[in-house]
Amino acid sequence: MEQLINYFEHIPSSHRTLILVSGLTIFWLLESAVPLFSFKYNKWKHAGINIFFTLTTIVVNFTLAFILVKSSDWVVAHKIGLIQWVSMPVWLYAIIGLMLLDLIGAYLVHYVEHRVKWMWRFHLIHHTDQNVDTTTANRHHPGESVFRFVFTTLAVIIVGAPMWMVFLYQSISVVLSQFNHANIQMPEWLDKALRWVIVTPNMHRVHHHYRLPYTDTNFGNIFSFWDRLFGTYAIAPNEKLKYGIDTFMAPEEANQVGTLLKIPFMPYRNTIPYEDEEKLS
């Protein structure tokens, strides 16, 4: 455990980049070997759009990183935060810390993005992807990257997380996000077993169904039990899912970087009313 802490306490930026690239590469290859859906799209062009937004996220996080570091150093130095107030073994300290960082820095901000209109205007860029695959994981508007960073910083302060824990959380988070967005076919028994603890592809892809109520379910990123605990868990057959967001289904709006960047500042489009609530399961 000490070696793990020491590694993430001093992890080079090059190693963090390697984790991101390695995850994308592994799941990209798995998508080619055991795809769930056979999308009729240019995979490289699609990846180019999503990698552009991956790079903007990296720029935002790199630019604001000093705030995260200062916040973590401050809470540790002043013994502020939930895990700073209770004595426990290091392994338990790490697990609880990761769980709380995931709750506030991933689940909570994601839930709020779907409830607050101005935040949704930025987040829906993530939902415009009609060919969800591992590259979709980092398809976030730069504006969304900023307020996700704010929630991560808030999580660090509330939790009292040291920097090694923050880096460990971010590393696990990026790989799990790539995993649960991946267009891969997993044995149902395996997906179902993993789903009790972590967010799996079969669980998260329901969130990318193009219309409500499924869009407002399965907000988790690492741990699946937050959705079960807060009543936002849903499951549906893969073959009944349709990716995208019903207010922006036109290809020219969903597949052009320039348009995607402008969407938050375009006239707001209200949710499309349907005669009946859709029930896929």
C-alpha atoms as a PDB file:
ATOM      1  CA  MET A   1       0.000   0.000   0.000  1.00  0.00           C
ATOM      2  CA  GLU A   2       2.869   2.358   0.786  1.00  0.00           C
ATOM      3  CA  GLN A   3       4.332   1.754  -2.680  1.00  0.00           C
ATOM      4  CA  LEU A   4       0.978   2.588  -4.280  1.00  0.00           C
ATOM      5  CA  ILE A   5       0.692   5.785  -2.253  1.00  0.00           C
ATOM      6  CA  ASN A   6       4.242   6.794  -3.072  1.00  0.00           C
ATOM      7  CA  TYR A   7       3.727   6.155  -6.784  1.00  0.00           C
ATOM      8  CA  PHE A   8       0.559   8.247  -7.079  1.00  0.00           C
ATOM      9  CA  GLU A   9       1.981  10.940  -4.816  1.00  0.00           C
ATOM     10  CA  HIS A  10       4.758  11.515  -7.357  1.00  0.00           C
ATOM     11  CA  ILE A  11       3.157  10.225 -10.568  1.00  0.00           C
ATOM     12  CA  PRO A  12       4.680  11.982 -13.603  1.00  0.00           C
ATOM     13  CA  SER A  13       2.368  13.709 -16.068  1.00  0.00           C
ATOM     14  CA  SER A  14       3.699  11.364 -18.740  1.00  0.00           C
ATOM     15  CA  HIS A  15       2.414   8.364 -16.764  1.00  0.00           C
ATOM     16  CA  ARG A  16      -1.026   9.932 -16.396  1.00  0.00           C
ATOM     17  CA  THR A  17      -1.105  10.528 -20.152  1.00  0.00           C
ATOM     18  CA  LEU A  18      -0.011   6.933 -20.705  1.00  0.00           C
ATOM     19  CA  ILE A  19      -2.916   5.668 -18.572  1.00  0.00           C
ATOM     20  CA  LEU A  20      -5.389   7.656 -20.672  1.00  0.00           C
ATOM     21  CA  VAL A  21      -3.895   6.580 -24.017  1.00  0.00           C
ATOM     22  CA  SER A  22      -3.477   2.947 -22.936  1.00  0.00           C
ATOM     23  CA  GLY A  23      -7.110   2.737 -21.850  1.00  0.00           C
ATOM     24  CA  LEU A  24      -8.329   4.160 -25.157  1.00  0.00           C
ATOM     25  CA  THR A  25      -6.083   1.794 -27.104  1.00  0.00           C
ATOM     26  CA  ILE A  26      -7.102  -1.344 -25.197  1.00  0.00           C
ATOM     27  CA  PHE A  27     -10.842  -0.687 -25.424  1.00  0.00           C
ATOM     28  CA  TRP A  28     -10.531   0.475 -29.057  1.00  0.00           C
ATOM     29  CA  LEU A  29      -8.965  -2.891 -29.912  1.00  0.00           C
ATOM     30  CA  LEU A  30     -11.602  -4.777 -27.921  1.00  0.00           C
ATOM     31  CA  GLU A  31     -14.321  -2.911 -29.813  1.00  0.00           C
ATOM     32  CA  SER A  32     -12.837  -4.232 -33.047  1.00  0.00           C
ATOM     33  CA  ALA A  33     -12.593  -7.776 -31.694  1.00  0.00           C
ATOM     34  CA  VAL A  34     -15.919  -8.133 -29.859  1.00  0.00           C
ATOM     35  CA  PRO A  35     -18.206  -5.220 -30.840  1.00  0.00           C
ATOM     36  CA  LEU A  36     -21.732  -5.034 -29.468  1.00  0.00           C
ATOM     37  CA  PHE A  37     -23.166  -2.832 -32.225  1.00  0.00           C
ATOM     38  CA  SER A  38     -21.919  -2.686 -35.829  1.00  0.00           C
ATOM     39  CA  PHE A  39     -22.036   1.065 -36.333  1.00  0.00           C
ATOM     40  CA  LYS A  40     -22.114   2.373 -39.905  1.00  0.00           C
ATOM     41  CA  TYR A  41     -19.749   5.278 -39.391  1.00  0.00           C
ATOM     42  CA  ASN A  42     -16.206   6.412 -40.029  1.00  0.00           C
ATOM     43  CA  LYS A  43     -14.582   5.301 -36.779  1.00  0.00           C
ATOM     44  CA  TRP A  44     -11.517   7.496 -37.250  1.00  0.00           C
ATOM     45  CA  LYS A  45     -13.527  10.637 -38.063  1.00  0.00           C
ATOM     46  CA  HIS A  46     -15.773   9.944 -35.079  1.00  0.00           C
ATOM     47  CA  ALA A  47     -12.739   9.464 -32.855  1.00  0.00           C
ATOM     48  CA  GLY A  48     -11.241  12.718 -34.141  1.00  0.00           C
ATOM     49  CA  ILE A  49     -14.223  14.714 -32.862  1.00  0.00           C
ATOM     50  CA  ASN A  50     -14.110  13.055 -29.450  1.00  0.00           C
ATOM     51  CA  ILE A  51     -10.326  13.287 -29.152  1.00  0.00           C
ATOM     52  CA  PHE A  52     -10.603  17.030 -29.839  1.00  0.00           C
ATOM     53  CA  PHE A  53     -12.818  17.322 -26.759  1.00  0.00           C
ATOM     54  CA  THR A  54     -10.452  15.050 -24.838  1.00  0.00           C
ATOM     55  CA  LEU A  55      -7.651  17.502 -25.565  1.00  0.00           C
ATOM     56  CA  THR A  56      -9.733  20.502 -24.472  1.00  0.00           C
ATOM     57  CA  THR A  57     -10.483  18.680 -21.208  1.00  0.00           C
ATOM     58  CA  ILE A  58      -6.762  18.074 -20.686  1.00  0.00           C
ATOM     59  CA  VAL A  59      -6.023  21.758 -21.319  1.00  0.00           C
ATOM     60  CA  VAL A  60      -8.691  22.886 -18.831  1.00  0.00           C
ATOM     61  CA  ASN A  61      -7.520  20.452 -16.141  1.00  0.00           C
ATOM     62  CA  PHE A  62      -3.844  21.291 -16.699  1.00  0.00           C
ATOM     63  CA  THR A  63      -4.540  25.042 -16.546  1.00  0.00           C
ATOM     64  CA  LEU A  64      -6.502  24.752 -13.288  1.00  0.00           C
ATOM     65  CA  ALA A  65      -4.437  21.954 -11.706  1.00  0.00           C
ATOM     66  CA  PHE A  66      -2.698  24.297  -9.264  1.00  0.00           C
ATOM     67  CA  ILE A  67      -6.076  24.959  -7.594  1.00  0.00           C
ATOM     68  CA  LEU A  68      -6.582  21.237  -7.009  1.00  0.00           C
ATOM     69  CA  VAL A  69      -3.073  20.804  -5.614  1.00  0.00           C
ATOM     70  CA  LYS A  70      -3.370  23.823  -3.311  1.00  0.00           C
ATOM     71  CA  SER A  71      -6.777  22.653  -2.069  1.00  0.00           C
ATOM     72  CA  SER A  72      -5.498  19.166  -1.301  1.00  0.00           C
ATOM     73  CA  ASP A  73      -2.378  20.442   0.466  1.00  0.00           C
ATOM     74  CA  TRP A  74      -4.500  22.851   2.514  1.00  0.00           C
ATOM     75  CA  VAL A  75      -7.042  20.284   3.764  1.00  0.00           C
ATOM     76  CA  VAL A  76      -4.293  17.826   4.685  1.00  0.00           C
ATOM     77  CA  ALA A  77      -2.238  20.487   6.492  1.00  0.00           C
ATOM     78  CA  HIS A  78      -5.258  21.694   8.473  1.00  0.00           C
ATOM     79  CA  LYS A  79      -6.866  18.258   9.006  1.00  0.00           C
ATOM     80  CA  ILE A  80     -10.037  19.297   7.195  1.00  0.00           C
ATOM     81  CA  GLY A  81     -12.400  16.818   5.574  1.00  0.00           C
ATOM     82  CA  LEU A  82     -14.369  13.687   6.424  1.00  0.00           C
ATOM     83  CA  ILE A  83     -11.552  11.154   6.206  1.00  0.00           C
ATOM     84  CA  GLN A  84      -9.220  13.398   8.178  1.00  0.00           C
ATOM     85  CA  TRP A  85     -11.443  13.203  11.249  1.00  0.00           C
ATOM     86  CA  VAL A  86     -11.560   9.434  11.696  1.00  0.00           C
ATOM     87  CA  SER A  87      -8.671   7.080  12.411  1.00  0.00           C
ATOM     88  CA  MET A  88      -8.685   3.995  10.173  1.00  0.00           C
ATOM     89  CA  PRO A  89      -6.319   1.618   8.351  1.00  0.00           C
ATOM     90  CA  VAL A  90      -4.754   3.064   5.204  1.00  0.00           C
ATOM     91  CA  TRP A  91      -6.518   0.580   2.891  1.00  0.00           C
ATOM     92  CA  LEU A  92      -9.919   1.547   4.337  1.00  0.00           C
ATOM     93  CA  TYR A  93      -8.965   5.220   4.216  1.00  0.00           C
ATOM     94  CA  ALA A  94      -8.231   4.803   0.490  1.00  0.00           C
ATOM     95  CA  ILE A  95     -11.457   2.931  -0.309  1.00  0.00           C
ATOM     96  CA  ILE A  96     -13.734   5.342   1.555  1.00  0.00           C
ATOM     97  CA  GLY A  97     -11.896   8.319   0.084  1.00  0.00           C
ATOM     98  CA  LEU A  98     -12.293   6.984  -3.470  1.00  0.00           C
ATOM     99  CA  MET A  99     -15.970   6.258  -2.905  1.00  0.00           C
ATOM    100  CA  LEU A 100     -16.663   9.781  -1.638  1.00  0.00           C
ATOM    101  CA  LEU A 101     -14.632  11.424  -4.406  1.00  0.00           C
ATOM    102  CA  ASP A 102     -16.654   9.428  -6.929  1.00  0.00           C
ATOM    103  CA  LEU A 103     -19.931  10.386  -5.235  1.00  0.00           C
ATOM    104  CA  ILE A 104     -19.242  14.136  -5.275  1.00  0.00           C
ATOM    105  CA  GLY A 105     -16.848  14.518  -8.193  1.00  0.00           C
ATOM    106  CA  ALA A 106     -18.719  12.232 -10.616  1.00  0.00           C
ATOM    107  CA  TYR A 107     -22.223  11.161  -9.569  1.00  0.00           C
ATOM    108  CA  LEU A 108     -23.346  14.432  -7.966  1.00  0.00           C
ATOM    109  CA  VAL A 109     -22.085  16.763 -10.697  1.00  0.00           C
ATOM    110  CA  HIS A 110     -23.553  14.466 -13.348  1.00  0.00           C
ATOM    111  CA  TYR A 111     -26.933  14.441 -11.585  1.00  0.00           C
ATOM    112  CA  VAL A 112     -26.894  18.236 -11.249  1.00  0.00           C
ATOM    113  CA  GLU A 113     -26.013  18.647 -14.938  1.00  0.00           C
ATOM    114  CA  HIS A 114     -29.252  16.900 -15.816  1.00  0.00           C
ATOM    115  CA  ARG A 115     -31.294  19.077 -13.452  1.00  0.00           C
ATOM    116  CA  VAL A 116     -29.882  22.587 -13.962  1.00  0.00           C
ATOM    117  CA  LYS A 117     -30.750  23.974 -17.393  1.00  0.00           C
ATOM    118  CA  TRP A 118     -27.627  26.061 -18.007  1.00  0.00           C
ATOM    119  CA  MET A 119     -25.373  23.157 -17.037  1.00  0.00           C
ATOM    120  CA  TRP A 120     -27.387  20.766 -19.207  1.00  0.00           C
ATOM    121  CA  ARG A 121     -26.777  23.040 -22.219  1.00  0.00           C
ATOM    122  CA  PHE A 122     -23.063  22.192 -21.904  1.00  0.00           C
ATOM    123  CA  HIS A 123     -23.437  18.549 -20.883  1.00  0.00           C
ATOM    124  CA  LEU A 124     -25.763  17.576 -23.713  1.00  0.00           C
ATOM    125  CA  ILE A 125     -22.765  17.713 -26.096  1.00  0.00           C
ATOM    126  CA  HIS A 126     -21.753  14.430 -24.477  1.00  0.00           C
ATOM    127  CA  HIS A 127     -25.190  13.007 -25.267  1.00  0.00           C
ATOM    128  CA  THR A 128     -25.211  14.075 -28.920  1.00  0.00           C
ATOM    129  CA  ASP A 129     -22.939  11.147 -29.801  1.00  0.00           C
ATOM    130  CA  GLN A 130     -25.033   8.677 -31.802  1.00  0.00           C
ATOM    131  CA  ASN A 131     -22.233   6.105 -32.015  1.00  0.00           C
ATOM    132  CA  VAL A 132     -21.189   5.657 -28.405  1.00  0.00           C
ATOM    133  CA  ASP A 133     -17.803   4.002 -28.040  1.00  0.00           C
ATOM    134  CA  THR A 134     -14.755   4.289 -25.800  1.00  0.00           C
ATOM    135  CA  THR A 135     -13.790   7.691 -27.270  1.00  0.00           C
ATOM    136  CA  THR A 136     -17.157   9.089 -26.132  1.00  0.00           C
ATOM    137  CA  ALA A 137     -15.902   8.929 -22.539  1.00  0.00           C
ATOM    138  CA  ASN A 138     -14.130  12.278 -22.846  1.00  0.00           C
ATOM    139  CA  ARG A 139     -16.547  14.051 -25.179  1.00  0.00           C
ATOM    140  CA  HIS A 140     -17.140  17.048 -22.901  1.00  0.00           C
ATOM    141  CA  HIS A 141     -17.550  20.682 -23.839  1.00  0.00           C
ATOM    142  CA  PRO A 142     -14.732  22.852 -22.372  1.00  0.00           C
ATOM    143  CA  GLY A 143     -17.351  24.674 -20.307  1.00  0.00           C
ATOM    144  CA  GLU A 144     -18.485  21.408 -18.767  1.00  0.00           C
ATOM    145  CA  SER A 145     -14.868  20.508 -18.048  1.00  0.00           C
ATOM    146  CA  VAL A 146     -14.627  23.664 -15.936  1.00  0.00           C
ATOM    147  CA  PHE A 147     -17.593  22.957 -13.685  1.00  0.00           C
ATOM    148  CA  ARG A 148     -16.647  19.280 -13.418  1.00  0.00           C
ATOM    149  CA  PHE A 149     -13.280  20.539 -12.177  1.00  0.00           C
ATOM    150  CA  VAL A 150     -15.076  22.745  -9.642  1.00  0.00           C
ATOM    151  CA  PHE A 151     -16.985  19.749  -8.277  1.00  0.00           C
ATOM    152  CA  THR A 152     -13.794  17.675  -8.115  1.00  0.00           C
ATOM    153  CA  THR A 153     -12.129  20.437  -6.101  1.00  0.00           C
ATOM    154  CA  LEU A 154     -15.191  20.629  -3.845  1.00  0.00           C
ATOM    155  CA  ALA A 155     -14.975  16.858  -3.364  1.00  0.00           C
ATOM    156  CA  VAL A 156     -11.307  17.117  -2.364  1.00  0.00           C
ATOM    157  CA  ILE A 157     -12.158  19.731   0.285  1.00  0.00           C
ATOM    158  CA  ILE A 158     -15.172  17.865   1.689  1.00  0.00           C
ATOM    159  CA  VAL A 159     -13.382  14.522   1.717  1.00  0.00           C
ATOM    160  CA  GLY A 160     -10.022  15.871   2.861  1.00  0.00           C
ATOM    161  CA  ALA A 161      -8.224  13.940   0.130  1.00  0.00           C
ATOM    162  CA  PRO A 162      -4.421  13.987  -0.121  1.00  0.00           C
ATOM    163  CA  MET A 163      -2.992  14.446  -3.611  1.00  0.00           C
ATOM    164  CA  TRP A 164      -2.013  10.801  -4.063  1.00  0.00           C
ATOM    165  CA  MET A 165      -5.664   9.841  -3.547  1.00  0.00           C
ATOM    166  CA  VAL A 166      -6.807  12.476  -6.048  1.00  0.00           C
ATOM    167  CA  PHE A 167      -4.401  11.158  -8.701  1.00  0.00           C
ATOM    168  CA  LEU A 168      -5.453   7.568  -7.968  1.00  0.00           C
ATOM    169  CA  TYR A 169      -9.123   8.551  -8.247  1.00  0.00           C
ATOM    170  CA  GLN A 170      -8.591  10.405 -11.527  1.00  0.00           C
ATOM    171  CA  SER A 171      -6.651   7.478 -13.006  1.00  0.00           C
ATOM    172  CA  ILE A 172      -9.336   4.949 -12.081  1.00  0.00           C
ATOM    173  CA  SER A 173     -12.062   7.348 -13.202  1.00  0.00           C
ATOM    174  CA  VAL A 174     -10.677   7.860 -16.699  1.00  0.00           C
ATOM    175  CA  VAL A 175     -10.172   4.128 -17.309  1.00  0.00           C
ATOM    176  CA  LEU A 176     -13.613   3.175 -15.925  1.00  0.00           C
ATOM    177  CA  SER A 177     -15.240   5.850 -18.069  1.00  0.00           C
ATOM    178  CA  GLN A 178     -13.508   4.460 -21.162  1.00  0.00           C
ATOM    179  CA  PHE A 179     -14.620   0.980 -20.136  1.00  0.00           C
ATOM    180  CA  ASN A 180     -18.274   1.758 -19.496  1.00  0.00           C
ATOM    181  CA  HIS A 181     -18.591   3.689 -22.768  1.00  0.00           C
ATOM    182  CA  ALA A 182     -16.885   0.976 -24.811  1.00  0.00           C
ATOM    183  CA  ASN A 183     -18.856  -0.666 -27.618  1.00  0.00           C
ATOM    184  CA  ILE A 184     -17.962  -4.164 -26.443  1.00  0.00           C
ATOM    185  CA  GLN A 185     -20.014  -7.292 -25.975  1.00  0.00           C
ATOM    186  CA  MET A 186     -19.550  -8.838 -22.550  1.00  0.00           C
ATOM    187  CA  PRO A 187     -21.066 -12.076 -21.247  1.00  0.00           C
ATOM    188  CA  GLU A 188     -24.270 -11.125 -19.440  1.00  0.00           C
ATOM    189  CA  TRP A 189     -23.256 -13.042 -16.312  1.00  0.00           C
ATOM    190  CA  LEU A 190     -19.991 -11.087 -16.090  1.00  0.00           C
ATOM    191  CA  ASP A 191     -21.571  -7.708 -16.718  1.00  0.00           C
ATOM    192  CA  LYS A 192     -24.300  -8.465 -14.195  1.00  0.00           C
ATOM    193  CA  ALA A 193     -21.788  -9.531 -11.532  1.00  0.00           C
ATOM    194  CA  LEU A 194     -19.545  -6.499 -12.027  1.00  0.00           C
ATOM    195  CA  ARG A 195     -22.586  -4.211 -12.066  1.00  0.00           C
ATOM    196  CA  TRP A 196     -23.102  -4.702  -8.326  1.00  0.00           C
ATOM    197  CA  VAL A 197     -19.901  -2.740  -7.677  1.00  0.00           C
ATOM    198  CA  ILE A 198     -18.755  -0.845 -10.766  1.00  0.00           C
ATOM    199  CA  VAL A 199     -20.475   0.812 -13.706  1.00  0.00           C
ATOM    200  CA  THR A 200     -20.397  -1.529 -16.703  1.00  0.00           C
ATOM    201  CA  PRO A 201     -21.078  -0.950 -20.425  1.00  0.00           C
ATOM    202  CA  ASN A 202     -24.537  -2.548 -20.229  1.00  0.00           C
ATOM    203  CA  MET A 203     -25.425  -0.264 -17.350  1.00  0.00           C
ATOM    204  CA  HIS A 204     -24.064   3.010 -18.670  1.00  0.00           C
ATOM    205  CA  ARG A 205     -25.233   2.713 -22.269  1.00  0.00           C
ATOM    206  CA  VAL A 206     -28.830   2.952 -20.984  1.00  0.00           C
ATOM    207  CA  HIS A 207     -27.954   6.518 -19.945  1.00  0.00           C
ATOM    208  CA  HIS A 208     -27.167   7.287 -23.601  1.00  0.00           C
ATOM    209  CA  HIS A 209     -30.614   6.293 -24.880  1.00  0.00           C
ATOM    210  CA  TYR A 210     -31.909   9.245 -26.876  1.00  0.00           C
ATOM    211  CA  ARG A 211     -34.982  10.116 -24.772  1.00  0.00           C
ATOM    212  CA  LEU A 212     -36.355  10.353 -21.265  1.00  0.00           C
ATOM    213  CA  PRO A 213     -36.744   8.792 -18.779  1.00  0.00           C
ATOM    214  CA  TYR A 214     -33.607   6.759 -19.572  1.00  0.00           C
ATOM    215  CA  THR A 215     -31.411   9.799 -20.205  1.00  0.00           C
ATOM    216  CA  ASP A 216     -31.899  10.689 -16.523  1.00  0.00           C
ATOM    217  CA  THR A 217     -30.658   7.366 -15.131  1.00  0.00           C
ATOM    218  CA  ASN A 218     -27.338   5.693 -14.322  1.00  0.00           C
ATOM    219  CA  PHE A 219     -25.270   8.774 -13.485  1.00  0.00           C
ATOM    220  CA  GLY A 220     -22.418   6.837 -11.855  1.00  0.00           C
ATOM    221  CA  ASN A 221     -18.901   6.607 -13.236  1.00  0.00           C
ATOM    222  CA  ILE A 222     -16.861   4.251 -11.055  1.00  0.00           C
ATOM    223  CA  PHE A 223     -19.221   2.772  -8.465  1.00  0.00           C
ATOM    224  CA  SER A 224     -22.673   1.567  -9.479  1.00  0.00           C
ATOM    225  CA  PHE A 225     -24.193   1.511  -6.017  1.00  0.00           C
ATOM    226  CA  TRP A 226     -24.738   5.282  -5.906  1.00  0.00           C
ATOM    227  CA  ASP A 227     -27.450   4.897  -8.564  1.00  0.00           C
ATOM    228  CA  ARG A 228     -29.034   2.029  -6.666  1.00  0.00           C
ATOM    229  CA  LEU A 229     -28.895   3.998  -3.402  1.00  0.00           C
ATOM    230  CA  PHE A 230     -30.414   7.203  -4.812  1.00  0.00           C
ATOM    231  CA  GLY A 231     -33.027   5.544  -7.035  1.00  0.00           C
ATOM    232  CA  THR A 232     -31.519   6.463 -10.420  1.00  0.00           C
ATOM    233  CA  TYR A 233     -30.610   2.939 -11.486  1.00  0.00           C
ATOM    234  CA  ALA A 234     -32.149   1.470 -14.659  1.00  0.00           C
ATOM    235  CA  ILE A 235     -31.412  -1.385 -17.001  1.00  0.00           C
ATOM    236  CA  ALA A 236     -32.718  -2.079 -20.503  1.00  0.00           C
ATOM    237  CA  PRO A 237     -32.022  -4.537 -23.334  1.00  0.00           C
ATOM    238  CA  ASN A 238     -29.171  -3.385 -25.574  1.00  0.00           C
ATOM    239  CA  GLU A 239     -31.140  -4.078 -28.763  1.00  0.00           C
ATOM    240  CA  LYS A 240     -33.823  -1.532 -27.775  1.00  0.00           C
ATOM    241  CA  LEU A 241     -31.425   1.358 -27.222  1.00  0.00           C
ATOM    242  CA  LYS A 242     -30.994   4.278 -29.596  1.00  0.00           C
ATOM    243  CA  TYR A 243     -28.073   6.609 -28.965  1.00  0.00           C
ATOM    244  CA  GLY A 244     -28.116  10.397 -29.090  1.00  0.00           C
ATOM    245  CA  ILE A 245     -30.325  13.115 -27.648  1.00  0.00           C
ATOM    246  CA  ASP A 246     -33.730  13.716 -29.211  1.00  0.00           C
ATOM    247  CA  THR A 247     -33.368  17.508 -29.408  1.00  0.00           C
ATOM    248  CA  PHE A 248     -30.152  17.290 -31.467  1.00  0.00           C
ATOM    249  CA  MET A 249     -30.444  14.290 -33.771  1.00  0.00           C
ATOM    250  CA  ALA A 250     -29.477  16.023 -37.030  1.00  0.00           C
ATOM    251  CA  PRO A 251     -26.100  14.667 -38.262  1.00  0.00           C
ATOM    252  CA  GLU A 252     -24.767  18.157 -39.028  1.00  0.00           C
ATOM    253  CA  GLU A 253     -25.355  19.157 -35.401  1.00  0.00           C
ATOM    254  CA  ALA A 254     -24.059  15.982 -33.791  1.00  0.00           C
ATOM    255  CA  ASN A 255     -20.931  15.508 -35.885  1.00  0.00           C
ATOM    256  CA  GLN A 256     -19.322  18.911 -36.345  1.00  0.00           C
ATOM    257  CA  VAL A 257     -16.931  20.310 -33.744  1.00  0.00           C
ATOM    258  CA  GLY A 258     -17.816  23.939 -34.509  1.00  0.00           C
ATOM    259  CA  THR A 259     -21.533  23.331 -34.018  1.00  0.00           C
ATOM    260  CA  LEU A 260     -20.975  21.279 -30.857  1.00  0.00           C
ATOM    261  CA  LEU A 261     -18.943  24.117 -29.341  1.00  0.00           C
ATOM    262  CA  LYS A 262     -21.788  26.581 -30.076  1.00  0.00           C
ATOM    263  CA  ILE A 263     -24.692  24.443 -28.804  1.00  0.00           C
ATOM    264  CA  PRO A 264     -24.650  25.814 -25.196  1.00  0.00           C
ATOM    265  CA  PHE A 265     -25.117  29.321 -26.589  1.00  0.00           C
ATOM    266  CA  MET A 266     -27.862  28.476 -29.093  1.00  0.00           C
ATOM    267  CA  PRO A 267     -31.576  29.020 -28.293  1.00  0.00           C
ATOM    268  CA  TYR A 268     -32.632  26.404 -25.764  1.00  0.00           C
ATOM    269  CA  ARG A 269     -34.635  23.448 -27.037  1.00  0.00           C
ATOM    270  CA  ASN A 270     -37.181  22.091 -24.611  1.00  0.00           C
ATOM    271  CA  THR A 271     -37.614  18.375 -24.065  1.00  0.00           C
ATOM    272  CA  ILE A 272     -39.714  16.809 -26.800  1.00  0.00           C
ATOM    273  CA  PRO A 273     -43.121  15.724 -25.449  1.00  0.00           C
ATOM    274  CA  TYR A 274     -44.232  12.165 -26.201  1.00  0.00           C
ATOM    275  CA  GLU A 275     -47.701  10.664 -25.884  1.00  0.00           C
ATOM    276  CA  ASP A 276     -46.481   7.788 -23.721  1.00  0.00           C
ATOM    277  CA  GLU A 277     -43.530   7.260 -21.399  1.00  0.00           C
ATOM    278  CA  GLU A 278     -41.130   4.828 -23.001  1.00  0.00           C
ATOM    279  CA  LYS A 279     -40.587   1.539 -21.153  1.00  0.00           C
ATOM    280  CA  LEU A 280     -37.820  -0.590 -22.660  1.00  0.00           C
ATOM    281  CA  SER A 281     -37.533  -3.337 -20.035  1.00  0.00           C
END
